[in-house]
Amino acid sequence: MPRETVEQLVGKLMTNDAFRADFFKDPQTSAHAEGFHLSDEEITSLKGAQQILTKAGDDISQFVQGPGGAAAVLDIHVHSN
Protein backbone atom coordinates (compact mmCIF):
# COMPACT_ATOMS: atom_id res chain seq x y z
CA MET A 1 0.00 0.00 0.00
CA PRO A 2 1.45 3.40 -0.90
CA ARG A 3 2.59 5.59 1.99
CA GLU A 4 -0.03 8.25 1.17
CA THR A 5 -2.80 5.65 1.41
CA VAL A 6 -1.45 4.40 4.75
CA GLU A 7 -1.42 7.99 6.05
CA GLN A 8 -5.00 8.55 4.90
CA LEU A 9 -6.26 5.33 6.44
CA VAL A 10 -4.43 5.76 9.74
CA GLY A 11 -5.57 9.40 9.89
CA LYS A 12 -9.18 8.33 9.37
CA LEU A 13 -8.83 5.60 12.01
CA MET A 14 -7.52 8.14 14.52
CA THR A 15 -9.98 10.94 13.81
CA ASN A 16 -13.26 9.22 12.94
CA ASP A 17 -14.69 7.35 15.93
CA ALA A 18 -17.48 5.65 13.97
CA PHE A 19 -15.14 4.47 11.21
CA ARG A 20 -12.65 3.17 13.78
CA ALA A 21 -15.37 1.18 15.59
CA ASP A 22 -16.68 -0.23 12.31
CA PHE A 23 -13.19 -1.02 11.06
CA PHE A 24 -12.25 -3.10 14.09
CA LYS A 25 -15.55 -5.02 13.86
CA ASP A 26 -15.29 -5.74 10.12
CA PRO A 27 -12.05 -4.35 8.66
CA GLN A 28 -12.38 -5.49 5.06
CA THR A 29 -15.95 -4.27 4.57
CA SER A 30 -15.52 -0.91 6.29
CA ALA A 31 -12.19 -0.19 4.57
CA HIS A 32 -13.60 -1.12 1.18
CA ALA A 33 -16.65 1.11 1.75
CA GLU A 34 -14.24 4.03 2.24
CA GLY A 35 -12.22 3.18 -0.86
CA PHE A 36 -9.34 1.37 0.85
CA HIS A 37 -8.38 -2.04 -0.51
CA LEU A 38 -6.33 -3.94 2.03
CA SER A 39 -4.51 -7.23 1.99
CA ASP A 40 -4.96 -9.72 4.82
CA GLU A 41 -1.46 -8.83 6.02
CA GLU A 42 -2.30 -5.11 6.15
CA ILE A 43 -5.48 -5.81 8.10
CA THR A 44 -3.57 -7.98 10.56
CA SER A 45 -1.02 -5.20 11.08
CA LEU A 46 -3.71 -2.57 11.68
CA LYS A 47 -5.64 -4.86 14.03
CA GLY A 48 -2.39 -5.30 15.96
CA ALA A 49 -2.26 -1.52 16.38
CA GLN A 50 -5.87 -1.23 17.55
CA GLN A 51 -5.00 -0.19 21.09
CA ILE A 52 -2.56 2.48 19.90
CA LEU A 53 -4.96 3.82 17.24
CA THR A 54 -7.85 3.90 19.70
CA LYS A 55 -5.79 5.75 22.33
CA ALA A 56 -4.59 8.26 19.74
CA GLY A 57 -8.16 8.75 18.52
CA ASP A 58 -9.42 9.31 22.06
CA ASP A 59 -6.62 11.81 22.72
CA ILE A 60 -7.40 13.69 19.51
CA SER A 61 -11.12 13.81 20.33
CA GLN A 62 -10.35 15.11 23.81
CA PHE A 63 -8.00 17.76 22.41
CA VAL A 64 -10.53 18.96 19.87
CA GLN A 65 -13.79 18.60 21.76
CA GLY A 66 -12.88 18.62 25.43
CA PRO A 67 -13.22 21.57 27.80
CA GLY A 68 -10.65 24.14 26.76
CA GLY A 69 -9.87 22.03 23.70
CA ALA A 70 -9.13 23.32 20.23
CA ALA A 71 -12.81 23.57 19.28
CA ALA A 72 -13.59 25.72 22.31
CA VAL A 73 -10.51 27.89 21.89
CA LEU A 74 -11.18 28.43 18.20
CA ASP A 75 -14.98 28.69 18.76
CA ILE A 76 -15.74 26.04 16.15
CA HIS A 77 -18.24 23.23 16.13
CA VAL A 78 -16.92 19.75 15.43
CA HIS A 79 -19.18 16.95 14.29
CA SER A 80 -18.04 13.34 14.40
CA ASN A 81 -18.64 11.56 11.09
PDB file of N, CA and C in Angstrom:
ATOM      1  N   MET A   1       0.850  -1.162   0.000  1.00  0.00           N
ATOM      2  CA  MET A   1       0.000   0.000   0.000  1.00  0.00           C
ATOM      3  C   MET A   1       0.905   1.236   0.000  1.00  0.00           C
ATOM      4  N   PRO A   2       0.623   2.195  -0.857  1.00  0.00           N
ATOM      5  CA  PRO A   2       1.453   3.401  -0.902  1.00  0.00           C
ATOM      6  C   PRO A   2       1.393   4.179   0.418  1.00  0.00           C
ATOM      7  N   ARG A   3       2.482   4.838   0.737  1.00  0.00           N
ATOM      8  CA  ARG A   3       2.593   5.595   1.988  1.00  0.00           C
ATOM      9  C   ARG A   3       1.435   6.582   2.155  1.00  0.00           C
ATOM     10  N   GLU A   4       1.064   7.270   1.095  1.00  0.00           N
ATOM     11  CA  GLU A   4      -0.026   8.252   1.168  1.00  0.00           C
ATOM     12  C   GLU A   4      -1.340   7.587   1.579  1.00  0.00           C
ATOM     13  N   THR A   5      -1.580   6.397   1.063  1.00  0.00           N
ATOM     14  CA  THR A   5      -2.798   5.652   1.406  1.00  0.00           C
ATOM     15  C   THR A   5      -2.765   5.229   2.870  1.00  0.00           C
ATOM     16  N   VAL A   6      -1.613   4.780   3.334  1.00  0.00           N
ATOM     17  CA  VAL A   6      -1.454   4.404   4.746  1.00  0.00           C
ATOM     18  C   VAL A   6      -1.751   5.619   5.631  1.00  0.00           C
ATOM     19  N   GLU A   7      -1.207   6.772   5.262  1.00  0.00           N
ATOM     20  CA  GLU A   7      -1.424   7.986   6.049  1.00  0.00           C
ATOM     21  C   GLU A   7      -2.902   8.367   6.073  1.00  0.00           C
ATOM     22  N   GLN A   8      -3.579   8.234   4.950  1.00  0.00           N
ATOM     23  CA  GLN A   8      -5.004   8.554   4.897  1.00  0.00           C
ATOM     24  C   GLN A   8      -5.810   7.600   5.771  1.00  0.00           C
ATOM     25  N   LEU A   9      -5.517   6.330   5.669  1.00  0.00           N
ATOM     26  CA  LEU A   9      -6.255   5.330   6.435  1.00  0.00           C
ATOM     27  C   LEU A   9      -6.004   5.486   7.932  1.00  0.00           C
ATOM     28  N   VAL A  10      -4.756   5.609   8.324  1.00  0.00           N
ATOM     29  CA  VAL A  10      -4.434   5.761   9.745  1.00  0.00           C
ATOM     30  C   VAL A  10      -5.026   7.069  10.278  1.00  0.00           C
ATOM     31  N   GLY A  11      -4.966   8.129   9.482  1.00  0.00           N
ATOM     32  CA  GLY A  11      -5.573   9.397   9.892  1.00  0.00           C
ATOM     33  C   GLY A  11      -7.064   9.248  10.125  1.00  0.00           C
ATOM     34  N   LYS A  12      -7.727   8.560   9.229  1.00  0.00           N
ATOM     35  CA  LYS A  12      -9.176   8.333   9.370  1.00  0.00           C
ATOM     36  C   LYS A  12      -9.462   7.467  10.596  1.00  0.00           C
ATOM     37  N   LEU A  13      -8.644   6.453  10.835  1.00  0.00           N
ATOM     38  CA  LEU A  13      -8.833   5.603  12.007  1.00  0.00           C
ATOM     39  C   LEU A  13      -8.648   6.396  13.306  1.00  0.00           C
ATOM     40  N   MET A  14      -7.765   7.365  13.304  1.00  0.00           N
ATOM     41  CA  MET A  14      -7.519   8.135  14.519  1.00  0.00           C
ATOM     42  C   MET A  14      -8.523   9.266  14.722  1.00  0.00           C
ATOM     43  N   THR A  15      -9.139   9.752  13.665  1.00  0.00           N
ATOM     44  CA  THR A  15      -9.983  10.936  13.815  1.00  0.00           C
ATOM     45  C   THR A  15     -11.470  10.679  13.626  1.00  0.00           C
ATOM     46  N   ASN A  16     -11.848   9.506  13.192  1.00  0.00           N
ATOM     47  CA  ASN A  16     -13.256   9.222  12.944  1.00  0.00           C
ATOM     48  C   ASN A  16     -13.679   8.044  13.828  1.00  0.00           C
ATOM     49  N   ASP A  17     -14.332   8.372  14.939  1.00  0.00           N
ATOM     50  CA  ASP A  17     -14.690   7.354  15.929  1.00  0.00           C
ATOM     51  C   ASP A  17     -15.572   6.253  15.340  1.00  0.00           C
ATOM     52  N   ALA A  18     -16.555   6.633  14.540  1.00  0.00           N
ATOM     53  CA  ALA A  18     -17.480   5.646  13.966  1.00  0.00           C
ATOM     54  C   ALA A  18     -16.753   4.715  12.993  1.00  0.00           C
ATOM     55  N   PHE A  19     -15.901   5.289  12.151  1.00  0.00           N
ATOM     56  CA  PHE A  19     -15.137   4.467  11.213  1.00  0.00           C
ATOM     57  C   PHE A  19     -14.217   3.509  11.964  1.00  0.00           C
ATOM     58  N   ARG A  20     -13.561   4.016  13.006  1.00  0.00           N
ATOM     59  CA  ARG A  20     -12.648   3.172  13.782  1.00  0.00           C
ATOM     60  C   ARG A  20     -13.414   1.994  14.402  1.00  0.00           C
ATOM     61  N   ALA A  21     -14.566   2.264  14.981  1.00  0.00           N
ATOM     62  CA  ALA A  21     -15.366   1.181  15.590  1.00  0.00           C
ATOM     63  C   ALA A  21     -15.791   0.171  14.534  1.00  0.00           C
ATOM     64  N   ASP A  22     -16.268   0.670  13.401  1.00  0.00           N
ATOM     65  CA  ASP A  22     -16.677  -0.232  12.313  1.00  0.00           C
ATOM     66  C   ASP A  22     -15.494  -1.032  11.776  1.00  0.00           C
ATOM     67  N   PHE A  23     -14.366  -0.359  11.617  1.00  0.00           N
ATOM     68  CA  PHE A  23     -13.187  -1.016  11.064  1.00  0.00           C
ATOM     69  C   PHE A  23     -12.762  -2.198  11.929  1.00  0.00           C
ATOM     70  N   PHE A  24     -12.729  -2.010  13.231  1.00  0.00           N
ATOM     71  CA  PHE A  24     -12.251  -3.097  14.088  1.00  0.00           C
ATOM     72  C   PHE A  24     -13.294  -4.191  14.283  1.00  0.00           C
ATOM     73  N   LYS A  25     -14.541  -3.962  13.875  1.00  0.00           N
ATOM     74  CA  LYS A  25     -15.554  -5.016  13.855  1.00  0.00           C
ATOM     75  C   LYS A  25     -15.476  -5.817  12.560  1.00  0.00           C
ATOM     76  N   ASP A  26     -15.317  -5.104  11.443  1.00  0.00           N
ATOM     77  CA  ASP A  26     -15.292  -5.738  10.121  1.00  0.00           C
ATOM     78  C   ASP A  26     -14.349  -4.939   9.214  1.00  0.00           C
ATOM     79  N   PRO A  27     -13.041  -5.169   9.354  1.00  0.00           N
ATOM     80  CA  PRO A  27     -12.045  -4.352   8.664  1.00  0.00           C
ATOM     81  C   PRO A  27     -12.201  -4.307   7.139  1.00  0.00           C
ATOM     82  N   GLN A  28     -12.351  -5.451   6.524  1.00  0.00           N
ATOM     83  CA  GLN A  28     -12.377  -5.489   5.059  1.00  0.00           C
ATOM     84  C   GLN A  28     -13.572  -4.710   4.496  1.00  0.00           C
ATOM     85  N   THR A  29     -14.740  -4.930   5.066  1.00  0.00           N
ATOM     86  CA  THR A  29     -15.953  -4.273   4.572  1.00  0.00           C
ATOM     87  C   THR A  29     -15.902  -2.771   4.799  1.00  0.00           C
ATOM     88  N   SER A  30     -15.530  -2.342   6.006  1.00  0.00           N
ATOM     89  CA  SER A  30     -15.518  -0.909   6.290  1.00  0.00           C
ATOM     90  C   SER A  30     -14.421  -0.188   5.509  1.00  0.00           C
ATOM     91  N   ALA A  31     -13.267  -0.809   5.357  1.00  0.00           N
ATOM     92  CA  ALA A  31     -12.195  -0.193   4.572  1.00  0.00           C
ATOM     93  C   ALA A  31     -12.612  -0.069   3.110  1.00  0.00           C
ATOM     94  N   HIS A  32     -13.175  -1.130   2.580  1.00  0.00           N
ATOM     95  CA  HIS A  32     -13.603  -1.124   1.182  1.00  0.00           C
ATOM     96  C   HIS A  32     -14.671  -0.049   0.937  1.00  0.00           C
ATOM     97  N   ALA A  33     -15.592   0.104   1.883  1.00  0.00           N
ATOM     98  CA  ALA A  33     -16.653   1.114   1.753  1.00  0.00           C
ATOM     99  C   ALA A  33     -16.080   2.527   1.687  1.00  0.00           C
ATOM    100  N   GLU A  34     -14.895   2.722   2.257  1.00  0.00           N
ATOM    101  CA  GLU A  34     -14.238   4.031   2.244  1.00  0.00           C
ATOM    102  C   GLU A  34     -13.208   4.147   1.121  1.00  0.00           C
ATOM    103  N   GLY A  35     -13.123   3.123   0.286  1.00  0.00           N
ATOM    104  CA  GLY A  35     -12.219   3.180  -0.856  1.00  0.00           C
ATOM    105  C   GLY A  35     -10.821   2.632  -0.607  1.00  0.00           C
ATOM    106  N   PHE A  36     -10.629   1.975   0.528  1.00  0.00           N
ATOM    107  CA  PHE A  36      -9.336   1.370   0.846  1.00  0.00           C
ATOM    108  C   PHE A  36      -9.415  -0.121   0.545  1.00  0.00           C
ATOM    109  N   HIS A  37      -8.439  -0.625  -0.166  1.00  0.00           N
ATOM    110  CA  HIS A  37      -8.383  -2.043  -0.515  1.00  0.00           C
ATOM    111  C   HIS A  37      -7.158  -2.634   0.169  1.00  0.00           C
ATOM    112  N   LEU A  38      -7.401  -3.451   1.185  1.00  0.00           N
ATOM    113  CA  LEU A  38      -6.333  -3.943   2.035  1.00  0.00           C
ATOM    114  C   LEU A  38      -6.105  -5.438   1.880  1.00  0.00           C
ATOM    115  N   SER A  39      -4.847  -5.806   1.980  1.00  0.00           N
ATOM    116  CA  SER A  39      -4.513  -7.227   1.992  1.00  0.00           C
ATOM    117  C   SER A  39      -4.764  -7.779   3.393  1.00  0.00           C
ATOM    118  N   ASP A  40      -4.797  -9.095   3.513  1.00  0.00           N
ATOM    119  CA  ASP A  40      -4.961  -9.721   4.820  1.00  0.00           C
ATOM    120  C   ASP A  40      -3.823  -9.323   5.758  1.00  0.00           C
ATOM    121  N   GLU A  41      -2.622  -9.223   5.218  1.00  0.00           N
ATOM    122  CA  GLU A  41      -1.460  -8.832   6.016  1.00  0.00           C
ATOM    123  C   GLU A  41      -1.610  -7.406   6.549  1.00  0.00           C
ATOM    124  N   GLU A  42      -2.109  -6.500   5.717  1.00  0.00           N
ATOM    125  CA  GLU A  42      -2.303  -5.112   6.151  1.00  0.00           C
ATOM    126  C   GLU A  42      -3.371  -5.023   7.235  1.00  0.00           C
ATOM    127  N   ILE A  43      -4.436  -5.787   7.083  1.00  0.00           N
ATOM    128  CA  ILE A  43      -5.485  -5.808   8.103  1.00  0.00           C
ATOM    129  C   ILE A  43      -4.939  -6.349   9.419  1.00  0.00           C
ATOM    130  N   THR A  44      -4.164  -7.405   9.351  1.00  0.00           N
ATOM    131  CA  THR A  44      -3.570  -7.982  10.557  1.00  0.00           C
ATOM    132  C   THR A  44      -2.684  -6.958  11.263  1.00  0.00           C
ATOM    133  N   SER A  45      -1.894  -6.228  10.503  1.00  0.00           N
ATOM    134  CA  SER A  45      -1.022  -5.200  11.080  1.00  0.00           C
ATOM    135  C   SER A  45      -1.830  -4.106  11.766  1.00  0.00           C
ATOM    136  N   LEU A  46      -2.883  -3.639  11.099  1.00  0.00           N
ATOM    137  CA  LEU A  46      -3.708  -2.575  11.676  1.00  0.00           C
ATOM    138  C   LEU A  46      -4.467  -3.072  12.910  1.00  0.00           C
ATOM    139  N   LYS A  47      -4.951  -4.305  12.866  1.00  0.00           N
ATOM    140  CA  LYS A  47      -5.638  -4.857  14.029  1.00  0.00           C
ATOM    141  C   LYS A  47      -4.671  -4.968  15.213  1.00  0.00           C
ATOM    142  N   GLY A  48      -3.410  -5.240  14.915  1.00  0.00           N
ATOM    143  CA  GLY A  48      -2.391  -5.300  15.961  1.00  0.00           C
ATOM    144  C   GLY A  48      -2.125  -3.947  16.593  1.00  0.00           C
ATOM    145  N   ALA A  49      -2.465  -2.889  15.882  1.00  0.00           N
ATOM    146  CA  ALA A  49      -2.258  -1.525  16.381  1.00  0.00           C
ATOM    147  C   ALA A  49      -3.545  -0.921  16.929  1.00  0.00           C
ATOM    148  N   GLN A  50      -4.569  -1.748  17.120  1.00  0.00           N
ATOM    149  CA  GLN A  50      -5.874  -1.233  17.548  1.00  0.00           C
ATOM    150  C   GLN A  50      -5.786  -0.408  18.830  1.00  0.00           C
ATOM    151  N   GLN A  51      -5.091  -0.904  19.821  1.00  0.00           N
ATOM    152  CA  GLN A  51      -5.002  -0.190  21.094  1.00  0.00           C
ATOM    153  C   GLN A  51      -4.331   1.176  20.908  1.00  0.00           C
ATOM    154  N   ILE A  52      -3.275   1.224  20.137  1.00  0.00           N
ATOM    155  CA  ILE A  52      -2.565   2.485  19.899  1.00  0.00           C
ATOM    156  C   ILE A  52      -3.446   3.456  19.114  1.00  0.00           C
ATOM    157  N   LEU A  53      -4.100   2.958  18.058  1.00  0.00           N
ATOM    158  CA  LEU A  53      -4.956   3.817  17.243  1.00  0.00           C
ATOM    159  C   LEU A  53      -6.156   4.329  18.038  1.00  0.00           C
ATOM    160  N   THR A  54      -6.717   3.487  18.881  1.00  0.00           N
ATOM    161  CA  THR A  54      -7.852   3.905  19.697  1.00  0.00           C
ATOM    162  C   THR A  54      -7.431   4.959  20.713  1.00  0.00           C
ATOM    163  N   LYS A  55      -6.302   4.764  21.356  1.00  0.00           N
ATOM    164  CA  LYS A  55      -5.793   5.746  22.328  1.00  0.00           C
ATOM    165  C   LYS A  55      -5.513   7.072  21.639  1.00  0.00           C
ATOM    166  N   ALA A  56      -4.874   7.022  20.484  1.00  0.00           N
ATOM    167  CA  ALA A  56      -4.588   8.255  19.743  1.00  0.00           C
ATOM    168  C   ALA A  56      -5.888   8.953  19.342  1.00  0.00           C
ATOM    169  N   GLY A  57      -6.867   8.179  18.888  1.00  0.00           N
ATOM    170  CA  GLY A  57      -8.161   8.748  18.519  1.00  0.00           C
ATOM    171  C   GLY A  57      -8.854   9.394  19.703  1.00  0.00           C
ATOM    172  N   ASP A  58      -8.815   8.740  20.852  1.00  0.00           N
ATOM    173  CA  ASP A  58      -9.419   9.305  22.060  1.00  0.00           C
ATOM    174  C   ASP A  58      -8.705  10.597  22.463  1.00  0.00           C
ATOM    175  N   ASP A  59      -7.384  10.611  22.376  1.00  0.00           N
ATOM    176  CA  ASP A  59      -6.616  11.811  22.716  1.00  0.00           C
ATOM    177  C   ASP A  59      -6.944  12.961  21.769  1.00  0.00           C
ATOM    178  N   ILE A  60      -7.067  12.658  20.486  1.00  0.00           N
ATOM    179  CA  ILE A  60      -7.399  13.694  19.505  1.00  0.00           C
ATOM    180  C   ILE A  60      -8.795  14.244  19.776  1.00  0.00           C
ATOM    181  N   SER A  61      -9.754  13.356  20.029  1.00  0.00           N
ATOM    182  CA  SER A  61     -11.116  13.805  20.327  1.00  0.00           C
ATOM    183  C   SER A  61     -11.134  14.704  21.557  1.00  0.00           C
ATOM    184  N   GLN A  62     -10.412  14.313  22.587  1.00  0.00           N
ATOM    185  CA  GLN A  62     -10.351  15.114  23.811  1.00  0.00           C
ATOM    186  C   GLN A  62      -9.721  16.473  23.521  1.00  0.00           C
ATOM    187  N   PHE A  63      -8.666  16.500  22.749  1.00  0.00           N
ATOM    188  CA  PHE A  63      -7.997  17.756  22.410  1.00  0.00           C
ATOM    189  C   PHE A  63      -8.938  18.684  21.659  1.00  0.00           C
ATOM    190  N   VAL A  64      -9.666  18.134  20.708  1.00  0.00           N
ATOM    191  CA  VAL A  64     -10.527  18.959  19.865  1.00  0.00           C
ATOM    192  C   VAL A  64     -11.819  19.343  20.582  1.00  0.00           C
ATOM    193  N   GLN A  65     -12.444  18.376  21.252  1.00  0.00           N
ATOM    194  CA  GLN A  65     -13.789  18.601  21.764  1.00  0.00           C
ATOM    195  C   GLN A  65     -13.875  18.832  23.267  1.00  0.00           C
ATOM    196  N   GLY A  66     -12.833  18.514  23.985  1.00  0.00           N
ATOM    197  CA  GLY A  66     -12.882  18.623  25.434  1.00  0.00           C
ATOM    198  C   GLY A  66     -12.924  20.058  25.923  1.00  0.00           C
ATOM    199  N   PRO A  67     -13.199  20.227  27.214  1.00  0.00           N
ATOM    200  CA  PRO A  67     -13.221  21.571  27.796  1.00  0.00           C
ATOM    201  C   PRO A  67     -11.867  22.251  27.589  1.00  0.00           C
ATOM    202  N   GLY A  68     -11.896  23.425  27.037  1.00  0.00           N
ATOM    203  CA  GLY A  68     -10.655  24.141  26.759  1.00  0.00           C
ATOM    204  C   GLY A  68      -9.894  23.583  25.575  1.00  0.00           C
ATOM    205  N   GLY A  69     -10.517  22.639  24.863  1.00  0.00           N
ATOM    206  CA  GLY A  69      -9.872  22.033  23.701  1.00  0.00           C
ATOM    207  C   GLY A  69      -9.854  22.972  22.512  1.00  0.00           C
ATOM    208  N   ALA A  70      -9.295  22.500  21.429  1.00  0.00           N
ATOM    209  CA  ALA A  70      -9.130  23.319  20.231  1.00  0.00           C
ATOM    210  C   ALA A  70     -10.447  23.882  19.728  1.00  0.00           C
ATOM    211  N   ALA A  71     -11.515  23.090  19.775  1.00  0.00           N
ATOM    212  CA  ALA A  71     -12.808  23.565  19.281  1.00  0.00           C
ATOM    213  C   ALA A  71     -13.305  24.734  20.118  1.00  0.00           C
ATOM    214  N   ALA A  72     -13.149  24.640  21.438  1.00  0.00           N
ATOM    215  CA  ALA A  72     -13.589  25.722  22.310  1.00  0.00           C
ATOM    216  C   ALA A  72     -12.726  26.966  22.122  1.00  0.00           C
ATOM    217  N   VAL A  73     -11.435  26.772  22.049  1.00  0.00           N
ATOM    218  CA  VAL A  73     -10.512  27.894  21.891  1.00  0.00           C
ATOM    219  C   VAL A  73     -10.759  28.612  20.570  1.00  0.00           C
ATOM    220  N   LEU A  74     -10.988  27.843  19.515  1.00  0.00           N
ATOM    221  CA  LEU A  74     -11.184  28.430  18.201  1.00  0.00           C
ATOM    222  C   LEU A  74     -12.649  28.751  17.923  1.00  0.00           C
ATOM    223  N   ASP A  75     -13.539  28.442  18.886  1.00  0.00           N
ATOM    224  CA  ASP A  75     -14.978  28.686  18.759  1.00  0.00           C
ATOM    225  C   ASP A  75     -15.533  28.068  17.483  1.00  0.00           C
ATOM    226  N   ILE A  76     -15.223  26.787  17.300  1.00  0.00           N
ATOM    227  CA  ILE A  76     -15.742  26.044  16.152  1.00  0.00           C
ATOM    228  C   ILE A  76     -16.562  24.863  16.648  1.00  0.00           C
ATOM    229  N   HIS A  77     -17.420  24.393  15.795  1.00  0.00           N
ATOM    230  CA  HIS A  77     -18.235  23.229  16.134  1.00  0.00           C
ATOM    231  C   HIS A  77     -17.724  22.038  15.349  1.00  0.00           C
ATOM    232  N   VAL A  78     -17.460  20.959  16.047  1.00  0.00           N
ATOM    233  CA  VAL A  78     -16.922  19.752  15.429  1.00  0.00           C
ATOM    234  C   VAL A  78     -17.976  18.682  15.502  1.00  0.00           C
ATOM    235  N   HIS A  79     -18.228  18.047  14.359  1.00  0.00           N
ATOM    236  CA  HIS A  79     -19.179  16.952  14.289  1.00  0.00           C
ATOM    237  C   HIS A  79     -18.429  15.687  13.931  1.00  0.00           C
ATOM    238  N   SER A  80     -18.661  14.630  14.695  1.00  0.00           N
ATOM    239  CA  SER A  80     -18.045  13.343  14.395  1.00  0.00           C
ATOM    240  C   SER A  80     -18.781  12.706  13.232  1.00  0.00           C
ATOM    241  N   ASN A  81     -18.035  12.223  12.248  1.00  0.00           N
ATOM    242  CA  ASN A  81     -18.638  11.560  11.092  1.00  0.00           C
ATOM    243  C   ASN A  81     -18.788  10.096  11.350  1.00  0.00           C
TER     244      ASN A  81
END
